Amino acid sequence: GCFECCIKCLGGIPYASLIATILLYAGVALFCGCGHEALSGTVNILQTYFEMTRVAGDVIDVFTMIDIFKYVIYGVAAAFFVYGILLMVEGFFTTGAIKDLYGDFKITTCGRCVSAWFIMLTYIFMLAWLGVTAFTSLPVYMYFNLWTICRNATLVDGANLCLDLRQYGIVTIGEEKKVCTTSESFIKMCDSNELNMTFHLFIVALAGAGAAVIAMVHYLMVLSANWAYVKDACRMQKYEDIKSKEEQELHDIHSTRSKERLNAYT
């Protein structure tokens, strides 16, 4: 009845792929959402406290790079939303192939090729997310230095500490964009919630990138296991086909000999 149907449907769900998909979506959502807002907060900080302005023309400055990163975030969000769905579909088909091994379902060579292709693609994406995680750690390190300078300025009276953007390659050597603890803009920046919020948004974005890496590793384990199961199932199918064919031949031979003996007796 209905209970058996529900049990059958629940049994066909690829739970390992489902967990990996949820982890992937959560990581990508944290990285894209928090990363986008952190980049917007960085633009406000640079314009408000470092007095930087956009360069007119086709010159690539830090603001142009931030805009490019935002568009990359949009593409990453859309691409991995689709990729997660594809991996879930592959998980459903693979689970059905294993469970219906002795039924009418036939495992094709195309299915094994698709599984191998997903393994290779997921491995490439895992390496890409490792690079994204390493790259996301750079703004976290920069904001941590700025946050440390703000703490030291409040703890040590008379300390003259400066943050020069040329040290991080944000501006060219010829430009001098720095703020010191003695300036009013530095005090306002340290007292503002914008700096603290942007710093924590980058931390969450880094955590999201790490979660995406873990999801890719999880997918690799799931896909590799599914591919091995499908390969073994295909071999088992071939063995069963050969066995049934031999049994049929033996049955035919036995029937033929029985008929010959009967004819000889009569």
Protein backbone atom coordinates (compact mmCIF):
# COMPACT_ATOMS: atom_id res chain seq x y z
CA GLY A 1 0.00 0.00 0.00
CA CYS A 2 0.98 3.58 0.66
CA PHE A 3 3.44 2.63 3.40
CA GLU A 4 5.33 0.24 1.13
CA CYS A 5 5.42 2.88 -1.60
CA CYS A 6 6.89 5.44 0.81
CA ILE A 7 9.49 2.94 2.04
CA LYS A 8 10.45 2.17 -1.55
CA CYS A 9 10.78 5.86 -2.41
CA LEU A 10 12.86 6.55 0.71
CA GLY A 11 15.07 3.60 -0.11
CA GLY A 12 15.84 5.02 -3.56
CA ILE A 13 17.09 8.39 -2.24
CA PRO A 14 20.89 8.79 -2.51
CA TYR A 15 21.44 10.13 1.00
CA ALA A 16 25.20 10.56 0.56
CA SER A 17 24.68 12.72 -2.54
CA LEU A 18 21.89 14.60 -0.75
CA ILE A 19 24.16 15.48 2.18
CA ALA A 20 26.93 16.58 -0.18
CA THR A 21 24.48 18.72 -2.17
CA ILE A 22 23.16 20.44 0.97
CA LEU A 23 26.74 21.12 2.10
CA LEU A 24 27.66 22.43 -1.35
CA TYR A 25 24.66 24.76 -1.52
CA ALA A 26 25.30 26.03 2.01
CA GLY A 27 28.99 26.68 1.26
CA VAL A 28 28.33 28.38 -2.07
CA ALA A 29 25.55 30.50 -0.54
CA LEU A 30 27.81 31.66 2.31
CA PHE A 31 30.71 32.36 -0.01
CA CYS A 32 28.70 34.21 -2.65
CA GLY A 33 26.40 36.15 -0.32
CA CYS A 34 28.93 37.15 2.32
CA GLY A 35 31.67 37.66 -0.25
CA HIS A 36 29.49 40.03 -2.27
CA GLU A 37 28.56 42.08 0.78
CA ALA A 38 32.15 42.10 2.02
CA LEU A 39 33.36 43.44 -1.32
CA SER A 40 30.72 46.16 -1.20
CA GLY A 41 31.86 47.06 2.33
CA THR A 42 35.47 47.17 1.12
CA VAL A 43 34.53 49.69 -1.56
CA ASN A 44 32.87 51.91 1.04
CA ILE A 45 35.88 51.70 3.35
CA LEU A 46 38.32 52.57 0.58
CA GLN A 47 36.23 55.51 -0.58
CA THR A 48 35.35 56.85 2.87
CA TYR A 49 38.46 56.39 4.98
CA PHE A 50 41.28 56.02 2.44
CA GLU A 51 39.84 58.70 0.13
CA MET A 52 40.20 56.59 -3.00
CA THR A 53 38.17 57.33 -6.12
CA ARG A 54 37.41 55.39 -9.26
CA VAL A 55 39.74 56.05 -12.15
CA ALA A 56 37.97 57.23 -15.28
CA GLY A 57 38.62 55.37 -18.51
CA ASP A 58 39.70 51.82 -19.23
CA VAL A 59 42.29 51.70 -16.45
CA ILE A 60 41.98 48.62 -14.25
CA ASP A 61 42.06 49.75 -10.64
CA VAL A 62 41.00 48.09 -7.40
CA PHE A 63 37.37 49.09 -7.89
CA THR A 64 37.28 47.48 -11.34
CA MET A 65 38.77 44.30 -9.90
CA ILE A 66 36.13 44.27 -7.17
CA ASP A 67 33.40 44.59 -9.82
CA ILE A 68 34.95 41.68 -11.72
CA PHE A 69 34.97 39.59 -8.55
CA LYS A 70 31.29 40.35 -8.03
CA TYR A 71 30.45 39.11 -11.53
CA VAL A 72 32.51 35.98 -10.87
CA ILE A 73 30.48 35.41 -7.72
CA TYR A 74 27.25 35.62 -9.75
CA GLY A 75 28.60 33.02 -12.19
CA VAL A 76 29.80 30.71 -9.42
CA ALA A 77 26.40 30.80 -7.71
CA ALA A 78 24.52 29.93 -10.91
CA ALA A 79 27.00 27.29 -12.11
CA PHE A 80 27.15 25.31 -8.89
CA PHE A 81 23.39 25.48 -8.41
CA VAL A 82 23.04 23.63 -11.73
CA TYR A 83 25.99 21.33 -10.99
CA GLY A 84 24.48 20.27 -7.66
CA ILE A 85 21.24 19.31 -9.42
CA LEU A 86 23.16 17.27 -12.02
CA LEU A 87 25.05 15.38 -9.32
CA MET A 88 21.81 14.64 -7.49
CA VAL A 89 20.25 13.29 -10.69
CA GLU A 90 23.33 11.13 -11.28
CA GLY A 91 23.04 9.85 -7.72
CA PHE A 92 19.38 8.90 -8.22
CA PHE A 93 20.12 7.01 -11.44
CA THR A 94 23.11 5.22 -9.94
CA THR A 95 21.14 4.21 -6.83
CA GLY A 96 18.35 2.89 -9.06
CA ALA A 97 20.86 0.99 -11.16
CA ILE A 98 22.30 -0.77 -8.13
CA LYS A 99 18.97 -1.56 -6.49
CA ASP A 100 17.38 -2.80 -9.74
CA LEU A 101 20.37 -4.89 -10.77
CA TYR A 102 18.32 -8.05 -11.12
CA GLY A 103 15.33 -6.30 -12.63
CA ASP A 104 14.62 -4.88 -16.06
CA PHE A 105 17.15 -2.05 -15.69
CA LYS A 106 20.29 -2.51 -17.80
CA ILE A 107 23.49 -0.67 -16.93
CA THR A 108 24.86 0.86 -20.11
CA THR A 109 28.38 1.89 -21.07
CA CYS A 110 27.15 5.47 -21.43
CA GLY A 111 26.16 5.52 -17.75
CA ARG A 112 29.63 4.45 -16.69
CA CYS A 113 31.21 7.09 -18.93
CA VAL A 114 28.97 9.78 -17.42
CA SER A 115 29.98 8.71 -13.90
CA ALA A 116 33.68 8.81 -14.84
CA TRP A 117 33.18 12.25 -16.41
CA PHE A 118 31.56 13.57 -13.23
CA ILE A 119 34.46 12.22 -11.17
CA MET A 120 36.99 14.08 -13.32
CA LEU A 121 34.92 17.28 -13.33
CA THR A 122 34.38 17.18 -9.56
CA TYR A 123 38.11 16.71 -9.01
CA ILE A 124 38.83 19.80 -11.11
CA PHE A 125 36.22 21.79 -9.18
CA MET A 126 37.73 20.64 -5.90
CA LEU A 127 41.13 22.03 -6.97
CA ALA A 128 39.42 25.24 -8.07
CA TRP A 129 37.72 25.63 -4.69
CA LEU A 130 41.04 25.04 -2.95
CA GLY A 131 42.39 27.99 -4.92
CA VAL A 132 39.32 30.08 -4.06
CA THR A 133 39.78 29.24 -0.37
CA ALA A 134 43.43 30.29 -0.50
CA PHE A 135 42.52 33.49 -2.33
CA THR A 136 39.73 34.32 0.14
CA SER A 137 42.17 34.03 3.02
CA LEU A 138 44.09 37.07 1.69
CA PRO A 139 41.41 39.70 2.53
CA VAL A 140 40.88 37.95 5.87
CA TYR A 141 44.59 38.39 6.60
CA MET A 142 44.49 42.05 5.51
CA TYR A 143 41.46 42.87 7.64
CA PHE A 144 42.97 40.98 10.56
CA ASN A 145 46.03 43.22 10.36
CA LEU A 146 43.81 46.30 10.25
CA TRP A 147 41.74 45.02 13.16
CA THR A 148 44.93 44.34 15.14
CA ILE A 149 46.20 47.85 14.49
CA CYS A 150 42.92 49.26 15.76
CA ARG A 151 43.17 47.17 18.94
CA ASN A 152 46.80 48.14 19.53
CA ALA A 153 46.00 51.82 18.98
CA THR A 154 43.38 51.70 21.72
CA LEU A 155 45.54 49.67 24.12
CA VAL A 156 48.80 51.60 23.71
CA ASP A 157 48.65 55.35 24.27
CA GLY A 158 50.69 57.47 21.89
CA ALA A 159 51.36 54.60 19.43
CA ASN A 160 51.83 55.81 15.86
CA LEU A 161 50.84 52.87 13.67
CA CYS A 162 50.08 53.17 9.97
CA LEU A 163 48.45 50.98 7.34
CA ASP A 164 49.81 51.52 3.83
CA LEU A 165 47.78 50.03 0.97
CA ARG A 166 50.92 49.79 -1.14
CA GLN A 167 52.04 46.88 1.01
CA TYR A 168 49.14 44.79 -0.30
CA GLY A 169 49.36 45.84 -3.94
CA ILE A 170 46.02 47.63 -3.86
CA VAL A 171 47.56 50.86 -5.20
CA THR A 172 50.71 51.51 -7.19
CA ILE A 173 54.03 52.48 -5.63
CA GLY A 174 53.65 56.07 -6.77
CA GLU A 175 50.41 56.52 -4.85
CA GLU A 176 50.46 56.99 -1.12
CA LYS A 177 47.23 55.79 0.41
CA LYS A 178 47.68 55.16 4.10
CA VAL A 179 46.02 55.97 7.37
CA CYS A 180 47.73 56.29 10.73
CA THR A 181 46.45 56.00 14.25
CA THR A 182 46.93 59.73 14.78
CA SER A 183 44.53 60.68 11.97
CA GLU A 184 40.85 61.34 12.51
CA SER A 185 39.78 59.06 9.64
CA PHE A 186 41.56 56.10 11.25
CA ILE A 187 39.76 56.66 14.56
CA LYS A 188 36.40 56.87 12.78
CA MET A 189 37.14 53.72 10.80
CA CYS A 190 38.05 51.74 13.93
CA ASP A 191 34.94 52.97 15.74
CA SER A 192 32.62 52.19 12.85
CA ASN A 193 30.64 48.96 12.61
CA GLU A 194 31.44 48.74 8.90
CA LEU A 195 35.01 47.56 9.46
CA ASN A 196 33.98 44.89 11.97
CA MET A 197 31.11 43.71 9.77
CA THR A 198 33.25 43.48 6.63
CA PHE A 199 35.93 41.56 8.50
CA HIS A 200 33.45 39.00 9.79
CA LEU A 201 31.76 38.72 6.38
CA PHE A 202 35.09 37.75 4.83
CA ILE A 203 35.58 35.17 7.58
CA VAL A 204 32.17 33.64 6.85
CA ALA A 205 32.94 33.68 3.12
CA LEU A 206 36.17 31.81 3.85
CA ALA A 207 34.22 29.27 5.88
CA GLY A 208 31.77 28.88 2.98
CA ALA A 209 34.63 28.21 0.55
CA GLY A 210 35.99 25.60 2.97
CA ALA A 211 32.56 23.97 3.16
CA ALA A 212 32.45 23.82 -0.65
CA VAL A 213 35.84 22.07 -0.65
CA ILE A 214 34.52 19.51 1.86
CA ALA A 215 31.43 19.03 -0.32
CA MET A 216 33.61 18.39 -3.37
CA VAL A 217 35.64 15.81 -1.45
CA HIS A 218 32.40 14.20 -0.28
CA TYR A 219 31.13 14.12 -3.86
CA LEU A 220 34.39 12.51 -5.00
CA MET A 221 33.96 9.71 -2.47
CA VAL A 222 30.31 9.22 -3.44
CA LEU A 223 30.98 9.28 -7.18
CA SER A 224 33.96 6.93 -6.89
CA ALA A 225 31.93 4.48 -4.81
CA ASN A 226 28.99 4.66 -7.24
CA TRP A 227 31.28 4.13 -10.21
CA ALA A 228 32.85 1.09 -8.55
CA TYR A 229 29.41 -0.30 -7.68
CA VAL A 230 28.15 0.21 -11.23
CA LYS A 231 31.28 -1.41 -12.66
CA ASP A 232 30.91 -4.43 -10.38
CA ALA A 233 27.20 -4.58 -11.16
CA CYS A 234 27.98 -4.58 -14.87
CA ARG A 235 30.38 -7.47 -14.40
CA MET A 236 27.78 -9.29 -12.35
CA GLN A 237 25.25 -8.77 -15.11
CA LYS A 238 27.62 -10.23 -17.67
CA TYR A 239 28.30 -13.19 -15.39
CA GLU A 240 24.59 -13.78 -14.86
CA ASP A 241 23.92 -13.56 -18.61
CA ILE A 242 26.69 -16.04 -19.40
CA LYS A 243 25.52 -18.34 -16.59
CA SER A 244 21.92 -18.29 -17.76
CA LYS A 245 23.03 -18.88 -21.34
CA GLU A 246 25.13 -21.89 -20.31
CA GLU A 247 22.29 -23.27 -18.21
CA GLN A 248 19.95 -22.90 -21.17
CA GLU A 249 22.42 -24.70 -23.42
CA LEU A 250 22.81 -27.51 -20.89
CA HIS A 251 19.04 -27.75 -20.61
CA ASP A 252 18.70 -27.95 -24.40
CA ILE A 253 21.38 -30.62 -24.61
CA HIS A 254 19.71 -32.60 -21.84
CA SER A 255 16.33 -32.29 -23.56
CA THR A 256 17.79 -33.39 -26.88
CA ARG A 257 19.46 -36.44 -25.35
CA SER A 258 16.26 -37.33 -23.52
CA LYS A 259 14.34 -37.21 -26.78
CA GLU A 260 16.97 -39.34 -28.52
CA ARG A 261 16.82 -41.96 -25.77
CA LEU A 262 13.04 -41.98 -25.92
CA ASN A 263 13.08 -42.43 -29.67
CA ALA A 264 15.65 -45.22 -29.41
CA TYR A 265 13.57 -46.98 -26.77
CA THR A 266 10.40 -46.75 -28.81
